[in-house]
Amino acid sequence: MASSQSRGIVVPQARAALEQMKYEVAQELGIQLPQDGYYGNMTTRDMGSIGGYITRRLVQMAEQQLSGYR
């Protein structure tokens, strides 16, 4: 059964935190993000690296939070 809710940020207030994390991760990886917000000239490899690292960091944060509930 299809969900009527589209995929996206579940908590709208998290958008700013995720945006900040994107810039932090890019800086750690040595990737320069364009200031104008247009990512069309970015390589797929660079953007995938940023997204993958963000995912790993979010999973790690969730695991740390869950480990406190045991």
Protein backbone atom coordinates (compact mmCIF):
# COMPACT_ATOMS: atom_id res chain seq x y z
CA MET A 1 0.00 0.00 0.00
CA ALA A 2 1.44 3.36 -1.02
CA SER A 3 1.90 6.04 1.57
CA SER A 4 0.21 9.37 0.98
CA GLN A 5 3.16 11.11 2.60
CA SER A 6 6.08 11.82 0.30
CA ARG A 7 9.60 10.94 1.32
CA GLY A 8 11.36 13.81 2.97
CA ILE A 9 12.29 15.25 6.30
CA VAL A 10 9.94 13.91 8.94
CA VAL A 11 10.71 16.72 11.38
CA PRO A 12 10.79 20.03 9.46
CA GLN A 13 12.82 21.68 12.23
CA ALA A 14 15.65 19.25 11.46
CA ARG A 15 16.27 20.84 8.05
CA ALA A 16 18.65 23.48 9.45
CA ALA A 17 20.61 20.89 11.44
CA LEU A 18 20.97 18.65 8.38
CA GLU A 19 22.03 21.60 6.26
CA GLN A 20 24.68 22.53 8.84
CA MET A 21 25.86 18.91 8.97
CA LYS A 22 26.22 18.89 5.17
CA TYR A 23 28.62 21.85 5.29
CA GLU A 24 30.58 20.38 8.22
CA VAL A 25 30.99 17.03 6.46
CA ALA A 26 32.01 18.69 3.20
CA GLN A 27 34.65 20.70 5.04
CA GLU A 28 35.97 17.58 6.80
CA LEU A 29 36.21 15.79 3.45
CA GLY A 30 37.87 18.77 1.78
CA ILE A 31 35.00 19.33 -0.64
CA GLN A 32 34.12 22.91 -1.52
CA LEU A 33 30.35 23.45 -1.76
CA PRO A 34 29.15 26.29 -4.01
CA GLN A 35 27.95 29.37 -2.15
CA ASP A 36 25.07 29.95 -4.56
CA GLY A 37 23.45 26.62 -3.64
CA TYR A 38 23.62 25.22 -7.19
CA TYR A 39 25.06 21.70 -7.02
CA GLY A 40 24.78 20.92 -10.75
CA ASN A 41 28.52 21.25 -11.24
CA MET A 42 29.39 18.97 -8.33
CA THR A 43 30.56 15.44 -9.08
CA THR A 44 28.38 12.51 -8.20
CA ARG A 45 31.30 11.03 -6.28
CA ASP A 46 31.67 14.12 -4.07
CA MET A 47 27.95 14.42 -3.37
CA GLY A 48 27.72 10.68 -2.67
CA SER A 49 30.63 10.93 -0.26
CA ILE A 50 28.93 13.73 1.62
CA GLY A 51 25.59 11.89 1.74
CA GLY A 52 27.20 8.63 2.81
CA TYR A 53 29.18 10.26 5.57
CA ILE A 54 26.07 12.08 6.83
CA THR A 55 24.19 8.78 6.89
CA ARG A 56 26.98 7.09 8.84
CA ARG A 57 27.06 9.95 11.32
CA LEU A 58 23.28 9.89 11.82
CA VAL A 59 23.30 6.11 12.35
CA GLN A 60 26.14 6.47 14.85
CA MET A 61 24.21 9.18 16.72
CA ALA A 62 21.09 6.97 16.83
CA GLU A 63 23.10 3.98 18.07
CA GLN A 64 24.58 6.08 20.86
CA GLN A 65 21.14 7.28 21.90
CA LEU A 66 19.70 3.78 21.82
CA SER A 67 22.59 2.34 23.83
CA GLY A 68 21.50 4.57 26.71
CA TYR A 69 18.08 2.89 26.79
CA ARG A 70 19.37 -0.60 27.55
